[in-house]
Protein backbone atom coordinates (compact mmCIF):
# COMPACT_ATOMS: atom_id res chain seq x y z
CA MET A 1 100.40 97.50 92.76
CA PRO A 2 98.13 100.56 92.55
CA VAL A 3 99.47 103.58 90.69
CA VAL A 4 98.16 106.99 91.83
CA ARG A 5 98.24 109.95 89.44
CA ILE A 6 99.11 113.12 91.36
CA GLU A 7 98.65 116.43 89.59
CA TYR A 8 101.10 119.17 90.51
CA SER A 9 98.25 121.61 91.14
CA ASP A 10 96.98 119.27 93.89
CA VAL A 11 100.46 119.11 95.44
CA GLU A 12 100.53 122.89 95.74
CA GLU A 13 96.94 123.12 96.99
CA LEU A 14 96.86 120.21 99.45
CA ILE A 15 100.46 120.20 100.71
CA GLY A 16 101.75 123.68 99.97
CA ILE A 17 105.24 122.73 98.77
CA ASP A 18 107.14 123.01 95.51
CA ILE A 19 107.19 120.07 93.11
CA LYS A 20 110.93 119.42 93.43
CA THR A 21 110.69 118.96 97.21
CA PHE A 22 107.69 116.70 96.76
CA LEU A 23 109.43 114.46 94.21
CA ASP A 24 112.65 114.34 96.25
CA ARG A 25 110.96 113.32 99.52
CA LEU A 26 108.08 111.17 98.29
CA PRO A 27 110.11 107.93 97.82
CA MET A 28 111.20 108.06 101.46
CA ILE A 29 107.70 107.21 102.71
CA GLY A 30 107.60 104.01 100.66
CA ALA A 31 106.63 105.06 97.15
CA ASP A 32 108.05 104.31 93.73
CA ILE A 33 107.80 107.09 91.15
CA GLU A 34 106.71 105.46 87.89
CA ARG A 35 106.84 108.43 85.53
CA ILE A 36 107.16 112.20 85.68
CA GLU A 37 105.19 114.23 83.18
CA LYS A 38 104.69 117.94 82.58
CA ASP A 39 101.58 118.33 84.76
CA TYR A 40 101.52 115.19 86.89
CA VAL A 41 103.46 112.29 88.33
CA ASP A 42 102.41 108.63 88.52
CA VAL A 43 103.37 106.99 91.82
CA GLU A 44 103.18 103.31 92.79
CA PHE A 45 102.40 102.39 96.40
CA PHE A 46 102.66 99.11 98.24
CA PRO A 47 99.45 97.11 98.85
CA ASN A 48 99.84 97.48 102.62
CA ARG A 49 99.07 101.22 102.51
CA PRO A 50 95.62 101.62 100.91
CA ASP A 51 95.23 104.97 102.69
CA LEU A 52 97.77 106.30 100.16
CA TYR A 53 95.73 105.30 97.11
CA SER A 54 94.41 108.83 96.64
CA VAL A 55 95.93 112.26 96.16
CA GLU A 56 94.31 113.34 99.42
CA GLY A 57 95.83 110.44 101.36
CA VAL A 58 99.29 111.14 99.95
CA ALA A 59 98.95 114.83 100.82
CA ARG A 60 97.96 114.00 104.41
CA ALA A 61 100.97 111.71 104.82
CA MET A 62 103.41 114.15 103.21
CA ARG A 63 102.29 117.07 105.37
CA GLY A 64 103.29 115.04 108.41
CA PHE A 65 106.49 113.67 106.91
CA LEU A 66 107.64 117.20 106.04
CA ASP A 67 106.71 118.60 109.51
CA ILE A 68 103.98 120.83 108.03
CA GLU A 69 101.16 119.22 110.02
CA THR A 70 102.12 116.45 112.42
CA GLY A 71 100.25 114.24 114.84
CA LEU A 72 96.93 112.44 114.68
CA PRO A 73 94.47 113.98 112.18
CA LYS A 74 91.15 114.94 113.79
CA TYR A 75 87.92 114.17 111.97
CA ASP A 76 84.61 115.19 113.48
CA VAL A 77 81.63 112.97 112.69
CA LYS A 78 78.34 114.84 112.93
CA PRO A 79 75.30 113.08 114.46
CA PRO A 80 73.35 110.95 111.99
CA LEU A 81 70.32 112.31 110.17
CA ILE A 82 69.90 109.24 107.98
CA GLU A 83 69.38 105.58 108.76
CA ILE A 84 69.56 102.35 106.82
CA VAL A 85 67.78 99.16 107.87
CA LYS A 86 69.43 95.80 107.32
CA ASP A 87 67.13 92.93 106.36
CA GLU A 88 67.73 89.40 107.66
CA SER A 89 67.86 88.04 104.11
CA VAL A 90 71.33 89.54 103.48
CA LEU A 91 73.00 87.67 106.33
CA ASN A 92 74.02 84.62 104.30
CA ILE A 93 75.12 86.70 101.27
CA ARG A 94 76.90 89.94 102.29
CA PRO A 95 76.17 90.37 105.99
CA TYR A 96 78.24 93.49 106.72
CA ILE A 97 77.24 97.03 105.79
CA VAL A 98 78.58 100.37 107.00
CA CYS A 99 77.69 103.79 105.63
CA GLY A 100 78.57 107.46 105.86
CA VAL A 101 77.47 110.82 104.51
CA VAL A 102 79.88 113.47 103.26
CA ARG A 103 78.56 116.98 102.75
CA GLY A 104 80.08 120.11 101.26
CA VAL A 105 82.02 118.30 98.56
CA GLU A 106 83.57 120.56 95.90
CA PHE A 107 84.44 118.36 92.97
CA THR A 108 86.82 119.13 90.13
CA ASP A 109 87.69 116.85 87.26
CA SER A 110 90.84 115.67 89.05
CA SER A 111 89.17 115.19 92.46
CA ILE A 112 86.27 113.14 91.08
CA ARG A 113 88.75 111.00 89.16
CA SER A 114 90.77 110.55 92.35
CA LEU A 115 87.66 109.34 94.19
CA MET A 116 86.73 106.84 91.47
CA GLU A 117 90.29 105.50 91.28
CA LEU A 118 90.47 105.22 95.08
CA GLN A 119 87.24 103.23 95.02
CA GLU A 120 88.56 100.75 92.47
CA ASP A 121 91.98 100.44 94.12
CA LEU A 122 90.31 99.65 97.45
CA HIS A 123 88.18 97.04 95.71
CA TRP A 124 91.46 95.38 94.72
CA ALA A 125 93.58 95.87 97.84
CA ILE A 126 91.03 95.38 100.62
CA GLY A 127 88.06 93.95 98.75
CA ARG A 128 89.78 91.05 96.95
CA ASP A 129 88.29 92.25 93.67
CA ARG A 130 84.94 93.13 95.33
CA LYS A 131 84.39 89.67 96.81
CA LYS A 132 85.31 90.72 100.33
CA VAL A 133 84.43 94.44 100.19
CA SER A 134 82.64 96.65 97.67
CA ILE A 135 82.03 100.40 97.83
CA GLY A 136 79.13 102.44 96.47
CA VAL A 137 79.31 106.23 96.14
CA HIS A 138 76.02 108.08 95.53
CA ASP A 139 74.67 111.59 95.03
CA ILE A 140 72.29 111.64 98.00
CA SER A 141 70.29 114.63 96.68
CA ARG A 142 68.55 112.35 94.17
CA VAL A 143 67.13 109.81 96.62
CA LYS A 144 64.98 109.89 99.75
CA PRO A 145 66.01 108.25 103.06
CA PRO A 146 65.54 106.09 105.05
CA PHE A 147 67.31 103.40 103.09
CA LYS A 148 66.95 99.63 103.17
CA TYR A 149 69.53 96.90 102.64
CA THR A 150 67.66 93.79 101.53
CA THR A 151 67.53 91.13 98.82
CA VAL A 152 65.46 90.69 95.66
CA PRO A 153 64.79 87.87 93.16
CA ALA A 154 66.51 87.58 89.78
CA ASN A 155 63.58 89.19 87.92
CA PHE A 156 63.79 92.44 89.88
CA GLU A 157 64.42 95.41 87.54
CA PHE A 158 66.12 98.81 87.79
CA ILE A 159 68.22 101.06 85.55
CA PRO A 160 71.93 100.35 86.22
CA LEU A 161 74.73 102.86 85.82
CA ASP A 162 75.82 103.43 82.19
CA PHE A 163 72.47 102.15 80.82
CA ASP A 164 69.25 104.01 80.00
CA GLU A 165 66.67 101.24 80.28
CA PRO A 166 65.49 98.96 83.10
CA MET A 167 67.28 95.63 83.33
CA SER A 168 66.54 92.61 85.48
CA ILE A 169 69.15 91.35 87.93
CA GLU A 170 69.51 88.24 85.77
CA ARG A 171 70.11 90.31 82.65
CA ILE A 172 72.60 92.62 84.42
CA LEU A 173 74.67 89.60 85.45
CA LYS A 174 74.73 88.33 81.85
CA GLU A 175 74.96 91.55 79.80
CA HIS A 176 76.26 94.48 81.86
CA PRO A 177 80.09 94.69 81.75
CA LYS A 178 80.28 94.82 85.54
CA GLY A 179 77.84 91.95 85.85
CA VAL A 180 79.89 89.81 83.50
CA LYS A 181 83.09 90.64 85.39
CA TYR A 182 81.85 90.29 88.97
CA GLY A 183 78.73 88.14 88.69
CA HIS A 184 80.66 85.05 89.81
CA ILE A 185 80.66 86.47 93.34
CA LEU A 186 76.89 85.90 93.56
CA GLU A 187 76.59 82.77 91.41
CA ASP A 188 75.66 80.52 94.36
CA PHE A 189 72.62 82.58 95.40
CA ASN A 190 69.04 82.88 94.14
CA ARG A 191 68.40 86.23 95.82
CA TYR A 192 70.57 89.30 95.40
CA PRO A 193 71.55 92.20 97.71
CA ILE A 194 70.10 95.61 96.94
CA ILE A 195 69.99 99.05 98.60
CA THR A 196 66.82 101.07 98.04
CA ASP A 197 65.44 104.38 99.25
CA ALA A 198 62.04 105.22 100.75
CA ASN A 199 60.47 105.37 97.26
CA GLY A 200 61.93 102.05 96.15
CA GLU A 201 64.61 103.67 93.96
CA VAL A 202 67.78 101.55 93.71
CA LEU A 203 70.99 103.07 94.98
CA SER A 204 73.14 99.99 94.61
CA PHE A 205 73.27 96.35 93.62
CA PRO A 206 76.42 95.36 95.56
CA PRO A 207 79.00 94.23 94.65
CA ILE A 208 78.06 94.69 90.96
CA ILE A 209 76.80 98.16 89.98
CA ASN A 210 75.06 101.29 91.25
CA GLY A 211 71.73 102.53 90.03
CA VAL A 212 71.86 105.31 87.45
CA ILE A 213 69.76 107.62 89.64
CA THR A 214 72.62 108.31 92.09
CA ARG A 215 75.35 108.95 89.52
CA VAL A 216 78.07 111.25 90.93
CA THR A 217 79.01 114.25 88.79
CA GLU A 218 81.06 117.41 89.26
CA GLU A 219 77.84 119.10 90.40
CA SER A 220 77.35 116.61 93.27
CA ARG A 221 77.77 118.22 96.69
CA GLU A 222 76.45 115.61 99.14
CA LEU A 223 77.43 111.95 98.99
CA PHE A 224 76.08 108.78 100.56
CA ILE A 225 78.68 106.03 100.79
CA ASP A 226 77.84 102.38 101.39
CA VAL A 227 80.37 99.62 101.97
CA THR A 228 79.15 96.04 101.99
CA GLY A 229 81.12 92.86 102.43
CA THR A 230 81.79 89.61 104.16
CA ASP A 231 83.89 90.76 107.13
CA LYS A 232 84.75 93.76 109.30
CA SER A 233 87.26 95.20 106.83
CA VAL A 234 84.28 97.19 105.50
CA HIS A 235 84.99 99.65 108.34
CA THR A 236 88.54 100.34 107.14
CA ALA A 237 87.41 100.90 103.55
CA LEU A 238 84.72 103.37 104.66
CA ASN A 239 87.17 105.23 106.90
CA ILE A 240 89.67 105.63 104.06
CA VAL A 241 87.05 107.02 101.67
CA VAL A 242 85.39 109.52 104.04
CA THR A 243 88.66 110.83 105.49
CA SER A 244 90.08 111.32 102.00
CA LEU A 245 87.07 113.46 101.09
CA ALA A 246 87.41 115.36 104.36
CA GLU A 247 90.96 116.33 103.37
CA ARG A 248 89.40 118.65 100.77
CA GLY A 249 87.22 120.38 103.34
CA ALA A 250 84.08 118.23 103.28
CA THR A 251 82.25 117.37 106.50
CA ILE A 252 81.51 113.81 107.65
CA GLU A 253 78.12 112.78 108.99
CA GLY A 254 77.26 109.46 110.59
CA VAL A 255 74.61 107.01 109.42
CA ARG A 256 72.49 104.94 111.79
CA VAL A 257 72.67 101.30 110.67
CA ILE A 258 69.75 99.30 112.12
CA GLU A 259 70.89 95.72 112.57
CA VAL A 260 68.64 92.67 112.23
CA SER A 261 68.53 92.46 116.01
CA GLY A 262 67.13 95.99 116.18
CA ASP A 263 70.32 97.44 117.63
CA ALA A 264 71.59 100.67 116.06
CA VAL A 265 75.24 101.16 115.08
CA ILE A 266 76.52 104.57 114.00
CA THR A 267 79.15 104.53 111.29
CA PRO A 268 81.80 105.58 110.41
CA ASP A 269 83.74 105.06 113.63
CA LEU A 270 86.78 107.33 113.34
CA SER A 271 88.15 106.77 116.83
CA ALA A 272 91.84 105.91 117.07
CA LYS A 273 92.98 102.49 118.22
CA LYS A 274 95.82 102.19 120.70
CA LYS A 275 99.06 100.26 120.48
CA ARG A 276 101.67 100.06 123.22
CA ILE A 277 105.35 99.85 122.39
CA GLU A 278 108.53 99.77 124.45
CA LEU A 279 111.58 101.91 123.73
CA ASN A 280 113.95 98.95 124.11
CA GLU A 281 112.03 97.01 121.45
CA VAL A 282 112.12 100.01 119.10
CA ASN A 283 115.89 100.36 119.35
CA SER A 284 116.44 96.62 119.15
CA LEU A 285 114.52 96.25 115.90
CA ILE A 286 115.77 99.41 114.19
CA GLY A 287 119.34 99.06 115.45
CA LEU A 288 119.61 102.60 116.87
CA LYS A 289 119.69 104.28 120.26
CA LEU A 290 116.74 106.65 119.99
CA GLY A 291 115.40 108.60 122.93
CA VAL A 292 111.74 108.98 123.78
CA GLU A 293 111.56 112.45 122.22
CA GLU A 294 113.02 111.19 118.93
CA VAL A 295 110.52 108.33 118.84
CA VAL A 296 107.61 110.68 119.55
CA LYS A 297 108.74 113.07 116.81
CA ALA A 298 109.05 110.23 114.30
CA LEU A 299 105.58 108.90 115.19
CA GLU A 300 103.96 112.32 114.86
CA ARG A 301 105.57 112.74 111.46
CA MET A 302 103.80 109.54 110.44
CA ARG A 303 100.49 111.02 111.67
CA TYR A 304 100.16 109.05 114.92
CA GLY A 305 99.03 110.45 118.22
CA VAL A 306 101.34 109.68 121.16
CA GLU A 307 101.01 109.50 124.95
CA ILE A 308 103.86 108.70 127.31
CA GLU A 309 103.02 106.42 130.23
CA LYS A 310 105.16 103.55 131.45
CA GLU A 311 105.18 102.60 127.81
CA ILE A 312 104.74 104.64 124.66
CA VAL A 313 101.01 104.64 123.84
CA VAL A 314 100.43 105.12 120.14
CA HIS A 315 97.07 106.30 118.75
CA VAL A 316 96.62 104.70 115.33
CA PRO A 317 94.67 106.72 112.72
CA PRO A 318 91.33 105.11 111.76
CA TYR A 319 92.29 104.90 108.09
CA ARG A 320 95.39 102.73 108.65
CA ALA A 321 94.55 99.18 107.56
CA ASP A 322 98.09 97.86 107.94
CA ILE A 323 98.76 98.30 111.66
CA MET A 324 98.28 94.88 113.24
CA HIS A 325 101.34 94.52 115.48
CA SER A 326 103.70 96.78 117.40
CA TRP A 327 106.33 95.96 114.77
CA ASP A 328 104.23 97.75 112.16
CA VAL A 329 104.40 100.89 114.29
CA ILE A 330 108.15 100.47 114.79
CA GLU A 331 108.63 100.26 111.03
CA ASP A 332 106.89 103.62 110.74
CA ILE A 333 109.20 105.02 113.40
CA ALA A 334 112.15 104.11 111.18
CA ILE A 335 110.47 105.80 108.20
CA GLY A 336 109.64 108.89 110.25
CA TYR A 337 113.16 109.07 111.66
CA GLY A 338 114.46 108.87 108.09
CA TYR A 339 116.20 105.90 106.50
CA GLU A 340 118.81 108.33 105.21
CA ASN A 341 119.67 109.15 108.85
CA VAL A 342 120.40 105.53 109.79
CA PRO A 343 124.21 105.11 109.75
CA CYS A 344 125.66 102.59 107.33
CA GLU A 345 127.54 99.65 108.87
CA LEU A 346 129.40 96.74 107.37
CA PRO A 347 128.00 93.32 108.31
CA ASN A 348 129.72 91.74 111.29
CA VAL A 349 130.77 88.73 109.20
CA PHE A 350 133.80 87.88 107.09
CA THR A 351 132.67 87.31 103.55
CA VAL A 352 133.19 88.52 100.00
CA GLY A 353 130.11 88.97 97.84
CA GLU A 354 129.87 88.62 94.11
CA ALA A 355 127.10 88.55 91.56
CA HIS A 356 125.49 85.19 90.86
CA PRO A 357 126.13 83.93 87.30
CA LEU A 358 122.36 83.91 86.68
CA SER A 359 122.10 87.55 87.75
CA ILE A 360 124.94 88.42 85.37
CA ALA A 361 123.19 86.58 82.53
CA LYS A 362 119.88 88.32 83.23
CA LYS A 363 121.56 91.72 83.31
CA ARG A 364 123.30 91.07 80.00
CA VAL A 365 120.05 89.96 78.32
CA ARG A 366 118.25 93.05 79.61
CA GLU A 367 120.96 95.27 78.12
CA ILE A 368 120.67 93.50 74.77
CA MET A 369 116.88 93.72 74.63
CA THR A 370 116.91 97.37 75.64
CA GLY A 371 119.53 98.04 72.98
CA MET A 372 117.21 96.53 70.36
CA GLY A 373 114.48 99.00 71.33
CA PHE A 374 112.38 96.85 73.67
CA LEU A 375 110.75 98.07 76.88
CA GLU A 376 110.97 95.81 79.94
CA VAL A 377 107.74 94.86 81.73
CA MET A 378 107.10 92.80 84.87
CA PRO A 379 103.96 90.66 84.58
CA PHE A 380 102.40 88.85 87.53
CA SER A 381 103.64 85.36 88.37
CA LEU A 382 100.04 84.20 88.72
CA THR A 383 97.73 83.70 85.76
CA CYS A 384 94.81 81.46 84.81
CA GLU A 385 94.22 78.49 82.52
CA LYS A 386 92.02 80.56 80.20
CA ILE A 387 94.77 83.05 79.37
CA HIS A 388 97.64 80.57 79.57
CA TYR A 389 96.17 77.79 77.46
CA GLU A 390 92.79 78.57 75.87
CA TYR A 391 93.76 82.02 74.58
CA MET A 392 97.10 80.63 73.32
CA ARG A 393 95.48 77.65 71.53
CA ARG A 394 97.60 75.33 73.66
CA GLU A 395 96.79 72.27 75.75
CA SER A 396 97.89 71.82 79.34
CA ASN A 397 100.59 69.17 79.79
CA GLY A 398 99.95 68.88 83.52
CA ARG A 399 103.27 70.45 84.47
CA GLU A 400 101.80 73.64 85.95
CA THR A 401 101.37 74.43 89.65
CA LYS A 402 97.84 75.43 90.60
CA VAL A 403 96.75 77.73 93.42
CA LEU A 404 94.85 75.78 96.07
CA HIS A 405 92.52 78.61 97.14
CA PRO A 406 92.62 81.32 94.44
CA LEU A 407 91.21 84.71 95.37
CA THR A 408 90.09 85.50 91.82
CA GLN A 409 89.42 83.58 88.63
CA GLU A 410 92.36 85.35 87.00
CA HIS A 411 94.95 83.98 89.48
CA THR A 412 94.56 80.21 89.55
CA MET A 413 98.01 78.96 88.52
CA ILE A 414 101.67 79.95 88.31
CA CYS A 415 103.02 80.81 84.86
CA THR A 416 104.85 78.12 82.90
CA ASP A 417 105.44 80.60 80.05
CA LEU A 418 105.84 84.36 79.97
CA MET A 419 104.41 85.06 76.52
CA PRO A 420 100.70 84.82 77.50
CA SER A 421 101.26 87.44 80.19
CA LEU A 422 103.04 89.71 77.70
CA LEU A 423 100.11 89.41 75.29
CA HIS A 424 97.77 90.29 78.16
CA ILE A 425 99.85 93.42 78.83
CA LEU A 426 99.62 94.37 75.15
CA SER A 427 95.84 93.94 75.27
CA LEU A 428 95.69 96.40 78.18
CA ASN A 429 97.79 98.94 76.26
CA LYS A 430 96.44 98.67 72.72
CA HIS A 431 95.35 102.32 72.97
CA ARG A 432 99.06 103.25 73.00
CA GLU A 433 100.84 104.18 69.78
CA MET A 434 102.51 101.56 67.62
CA PRO A 435 104.95 99.88 67.39
CA GLN A 436 104.95 98.27 70.81
CA ARG A 437 107.96 96.17 71.72
CA ILE A 438 108.12 94.66 75.21
CA PHE A 439 110.19 91.97 76.92
CA CYS A 440 110.39 90.23 80.27
CA VAL A 441 113.14 88.38 82.10
CA GLY A 442 111.49 86.35 84.81
CA ASP A 443 110.94 82.98 86.44
CA VAL A 444 108.37 80.36 85.53
CA LEU A 445 107.42 77.23 87.49
CA ILE A 446 107.43 73.90 85.65
CA ASP A 447 107.09 70.60 87.53
CA GLU A 448 107.59 72.61 90.74
CA LYS A 449 110.99 73.79 89.51
CA THR A 450 111.83 77.49 89.05
CA ILE A 451 113.29 78.19 85.60
CA PRO A 452 114.44 81.61 84.32
CA HIS A 453 112.91 82.64 80.99
CA LEU A 454 113.23 85.46 78.47
CA ALA A 455 110.27 86.44 76.31
CA PHE A 456 109.63 89.34 73.96
CA LEU A 457 106.85 90.60 71.70
CA SER A 458 106.78 93.10 68.86
CA CYS A 459 103.36 94.37 67.73
CA HIS A 460 102.78 96.63 64.72
CA ALA A 461 101.27 96.56 61.25
CA GLU A 462 104.28 94.93 59.55
CA ALA A 463 105.41 92.45 62.24
CA ASN A 464 106.56 89.22 60.58
CA PHE A 465 108.76 86.13 60.87
CA THR A 466 111.78 87.81 59.28
CA GLU A 467 111.77 90.52 61.94
CA ALA A 468 111.51 87.91 64.70
CA LYS A 469 114.42 85.94 63.23
CA SER A 470 116.58 89.06 63.05
CA TYR A 471 116.04 89.72 66.76
CA VAL A 472 116.90 86.10 67.61
CA ILE A 473 120.09 86.20 65.53
CA THR A 474 121.16 89.44 67.20
CA LEU A 475 120.39 88.10 70.68
CA PHE A 476 122.43 84.92 70.28
CA ARG A 477 125.29 86.77 68.59
CA GLU A 478 125.50 89.16 71.53
CA ILE A 479 125.46 86.36 74.13
CA ASP A 480 128.09 84.54 72.00
CA THR A 481 126.11 81.31 71.67
CA ASP A 482 125.88 79.09 68.59
CA PHE A 483 122.40 77.91 67.66
CA SER A 484 120.40 76.40 64.87
CA LEU A 485 116.76 76.57 63.81
CA ASP A 486 114.23 73.87 63.11
CA GLU A 487 110.59 73.86 62.05
CA GLY A 488 108.16 74.61 64.85
CA ALA A 489 104.69 73.28 65.60
CA ASP A 490 103.42 75.57 68.38
CA PRO A 491 99.69 76.29 67.83
CA ALA A 492 100.19 79.77 69.27
CA PHE A 493 102.13 80.70 66.11
CA ILE A 494 101.14 80.61 62.44
CA GLU A 495 102.03 77.32 60.76
CA GLY A 496 105.04 77.73 58.48
CA ARG A 497 105.98 81.05 60.08
CA GLN A 498 107.59 79.77 63.25
CA ALA A 499 110.77 78.01 64.39
CA VAL A 500 112.38 76.39 67.39
CA VAL A 501 115.86 77.35 68.61
CA ILE A 502 118.35 74.50 69.12
CA VAL A 503 121.47 74.83 71.29
CA ASP A 504 123.72 71.79 71.85
CA GLU A 505 121.05 69.56 70.30
CA LYS A 506 118.47 70.77 72.86
CA GLU A 507 115.41 72.88 72.15
CA VAL A 508 115.73 76.03 74.27
CA GLY A 509 113.21 78.39 72.71
CA ARG A 510 110.65 79.13 70.01
CA PHE A 511 109.52 82.13 68.00
CA GLY A 512 107.26 83.17 65.15
CA GLU A 513 104.25 85.18 64.06
CA ILE A 514 101.42 85.06 66.58
CA HIS A 515 98.38 83.19 65.27
CA PRO A 516 95.40 85.46 64.30
CA GLU A 517 93.09 83.55 66.64
CA VAL A 518 95.45 84.25 69.53
CA LEU A 519 95.52 87.94 68.60
CA SER A 520 91.71 87.94 68.52
CA ASN A 521 91.52 86.26 71.94
CA PHE A 522 93.61 89.08 73.39
CA SER A 523 91.64 91.74 71.43
CA LEU A 524 94.75 92.83 69.52
CA ASP A 525 94.24 94.62 66.20
CA HIS A 526 97.77 94.41 64.75
CA PRO A 527 100.06 91.51 63.81
CA ALA A 528 102.59 90.48 66.43
CA LEU A 529 105.68 88.31 66.68
CA GLY A 530 106.86 86.53 69.79
CA PHE A 531 109.85 84.69 71.21
CA GLU A 532 110.45 82.76 74.42
CA MET A 533 113.43 80.77 75.67
CA GLU A 534 114.94 79.30 78.78
CA LEU A 535 117.85 81.45 79.95
CA MET A 536 121.23 79.74 79.85
CA ILE A 537 124.01 80.46 82.32
């Protein structure tokens, strides 16, 4: 889930409250505080609230939640001065495009970083890793409208962002880091989408990379934002970006999008959508007896507009991507009312609860691993064959469960081992200081059966088999289980520096020094040792 870095200076500027109040109340809107540092806090938000993936979005929500500024935010969209023409050739590639202009931007280092991080988080949450939606942000002062959204052949050249020489589309897809990562989205086409200005300068090659000419810097004051994609969720992504910028005082200006038919559509559309809810349904779902005034107050805290007719008419902000049913609104009423204000009640059933033996075993193992100096991580359940087998020098045994319609190439199967995912985490954190010791207690799926596993890794300059064995001995001593060791033959480990763990004449785990080729596949620079076993109850 996306993690947003919120600097304390932004809290004071955009919300106007002290840091203690902010940290105390923030979790109550559905946030998980990851870490608190001297000058900032890292906060994790659920995927269903992409409007909170920026400092500005969090500030807007918190002002309402704390009764500083309640009700529906108002955003004026000035009449368009710029137009973009859509060419028919894009219709079978990325048929949707919406645009907006934001003027009067005052960037700082933190605000420009917030914008870039919001862009990438939206690519993940709404855009399905750019396949469904991609966003381009441009310094409009460097190009000349009107713009054109069209397609070009593979030999078309321009200078992409982060390069200083012209490159063909074909070369960008093969050599540019973004082309290598996202080129698969366009692999079935022989023409490629492009946005150009009146002089033929390239603003964007969606969904891959922008042109270098429109690079955004701290000196940029006027931005052109394009959002292309394969469905109407492009509108939500554009609304989130432009309203976030408006929270810092910028003004929003429309863009006239000329469709293939010749019709003109002005975007962004920041009008509020309406949902109707009934008071009886609200109280039935939440389990309270709220009056109309209490419901209205809770809704306004969550930044909705409200009208009272025969029903309660709720005006949904244009940046809310998650409101699809009246129940979504009712959930926000509960949040706005305050979960801490909902009275606690015992279940109306006669039962005695107790911890499951597996939960007890997992808790004990976590305590042991933490006591040995390991940090717990939670990798994704989904992975891919390349990481799970090829990178580990292993062969598939056909016992894995594959995803029928994967959204990305990185999520094509469910893990049958945890160690590959731990190595992937290490590869993402190799810039951190050594030693790094991480572990995971989680489920894997083998032959369609869920099996609890424990895995750990230790990575540093002197990691070796003896260290791994000492951890294994300590672990089994603490869980009071007798075991023996036998020679291992896992290609993921170095031959002669690995072992399998035997309990009651059954192999339950394996450990050893990670093979250098495996380390190289994960771009790791230091030796590492690893262990994985099936948890026993």
